[in-house]
Amino acid sequence: MGGPPYYKIATGIGIRKNEAALHKAVSSALADMMKNGSYAAIFRKWNLGIDMLKPG
């Protein structure tokens, strides 16, 4: 990296409105990853901590 990042990259996962089961599954998986630390580990591995979502 040439220098420290100066802004966050907004990203997301697109799910159609009528895909309630998929939305629930993705949300649950993301919550589990945040809880068990694997989400943060991925961002640390690739030095992308500035773009991590905050739990909540």
C-alpha atoms as a PDB file:
ATOM      1  CA  MET A   1       0.000   0.000   0.000  1.00  0.00           C
ATOM      2  CA  GLY A   2       1.356   3.436  -0.883  1.00  0.00           C
ATOM      3  CA  GLY A   3      -0.152   5.082   2.173  1.00  0.00           C
ATOM      4  CA  PRO A   4      -2.960   4.767   4.674  1.00  0.00           C
ATOM      5  CA  PRO A   5      -6.490   4.587   3.266  1.00  0.00           C
ATOM      6  CA  TYR A   6      -8.484   7.803   3.529  1.00  0.00           C
ATOM      7  CA  TYR A   7     -12.032   6.599   2.915  1.00  0.00           C
ATOM      8  CA  LYS A   8     -14.194   3.495   3.273  1.00  0.00           C
ATOM      9  CA  ILE A   9     -15.401   1.451   0.331  1.00  0.00           C
ATOM     10  CA  ALA A  10     -19.164   0.952   0.476  1.00  0.00           C
ATOM     11  CA  THR A  11     -20.006  -2.615  -0.513  1.00  0.00           C
ATOM     12  CA  GLY A  12     -22.963  -4.892  -0.082  1.00  0.00           C
ATOM     13  CA  ILE A  13     -24.756  -8.066  -1.038  1.00  0.00           C
ATOM     14  CA  GLY A  14     -27.753  -7.648  -3.323  1.00  0.00           C
ATOM     15  CA  ILE A  15     -30.737  -9.879  -2.573  1.00  0.00           C
ATOM     16  CA  ARG A  16     -34.113  -9.605  -4.295  1.00  0.00           C
ATOM     17  CA  LYS A  17     -36.990  -8.475  -2.085  1.00  0.00           C
ATOM     18  CA  ASN A  18     -38.882 -11.743  -2.573  1.00  0.00           C
ATOM     19  CA  GLU A  19     -35.924 -13.840  -1.342  1.00  0.00           C
ATOM     20  CA  ALA A  20     -36.710 -13.667   2.386  1.00  0.00           C
ATOM     21  CA  ALA A  21     -35.143 -17.057   3.155  1.00  0.00           C
ATOM     22  CA  LEU A  22     -31.892 -16.101   1.408  1.00  0.00           C
ATOM     23  CA  HIS A  23     -31.809 -12.752   3.234  1.00  0.00           C
ATOM     24  CA  LYS A  24     -32.250 -14.518   6.556  1.00  0.00           C
ATOM     25  CA  ALA A  25     -29.526 -17.079   5.735  1.00  0.00           C
ATOM     26  CA  VAL A  26     -26.987 -14.441   4.636  1.00  0.00           C
ATOM     27  CA  SER A  27     -27.748 -12.219   7.637  1.00  0.00           C
ATOM     28  CA  SER A  28     -27.439 -15.156  10.018  1.00  0.00           C
ATOM     29  CA  ALA A  29     -24.142 -16.315   8.491  1.00  0.00           C
ATOM     30  CA  LEU A  30     -22.692 -12.793   8.688  1.00  0.00           C
ATOM     31  CA  ALA A  31     -23.820 -12.423  12.312  1.00  0.00           C
ATOM     32  CA  ASP A  32     -22.233 -15.791  13.174  1.00  0.00           C
ATOM     33  CA  MET A  33     -18.956 -14.772  11.499  1.00  0.00           C
ATOM     34  CA  MET A  34     -18.920 -11.491  13.422  1.00  0.00           C
ATOM     35  CA  LYS A  35     -19.611 -13.325  16.675  1.00  0.00           C
ATOM     36  CA  ASN A  36     -16.955 -16.038  16.269  1.00  0.00           C
ATOM     37  CA  GLY A  37     -14.249 -13.667  15.015  1.00  0.00           C
ATOM     38  CA  SER A  38     -13.815 -15.132  11.524  1.00  0.00           C
ATOM     39  CA  TYR A  39     -15.178 -11.954   9.900  1.00  0.00           C
ATOM     40  CA  ALA A  40     -12.539  -9.780  11.594  1.00  0.00           C
ATOM     41  CA  ALA A  41      -9.820 -12.351  10.857  1.00  0.00           C
ATOM     42  CA  ILE A  42     -10.518 -12.141   7.116  1.00  0.00           C
ATOM     43  CA  PHE A  43     -10.301  -8.349   7.137  1.00  0.00           C
ATOM     44  CA  ARG A  44      -7.100  -8.407   9.220  1.00  0.00           C
ATOM     45  CA  LYS A  45      -5.510 -10.979   6.895  1.00  0.00           C
ATOM     46  CA  TRP A  46      -6.037  -8.713   3.884  1.00  0.00           C
ATOM     47  CA  ASN A  47      -5.334  -5.448   5.790  1.00  0.00           C
ATOM     48  CA  LEU A  48      -8.864  -4.126   5.134  1.00  0.00           C
ATOM     49  CA  GLY A  49      -9.882  -3.314   8.693  1.00  0.00           C
ATOM     50  CA  ILE A  50     -11.035   0.186   7.731  1.00  0.00           C
ATOM     51  CA  ASP A  51     -13.848  -1.368   5.653  1.00  0.00           C
ATOM     52  CA  MET A  52     -15.195  -3.704   8.347  1.00  0.00           C
ATOM     53  CA  LEU A  53     -18.836  -3.363   9.319  1.00  0.00           C
ATOM     54  CA  LYS A  54     -19.479  -2.557  12.940  1.00  0.00           C
ATOM     55  CA  PRO A  55     -21.679  -5.112  14.750  1.00  0.00           C
ATOM     56  CA  GLY A  56     -25.060  -3.825  15.638  1.00  0.00           C
END
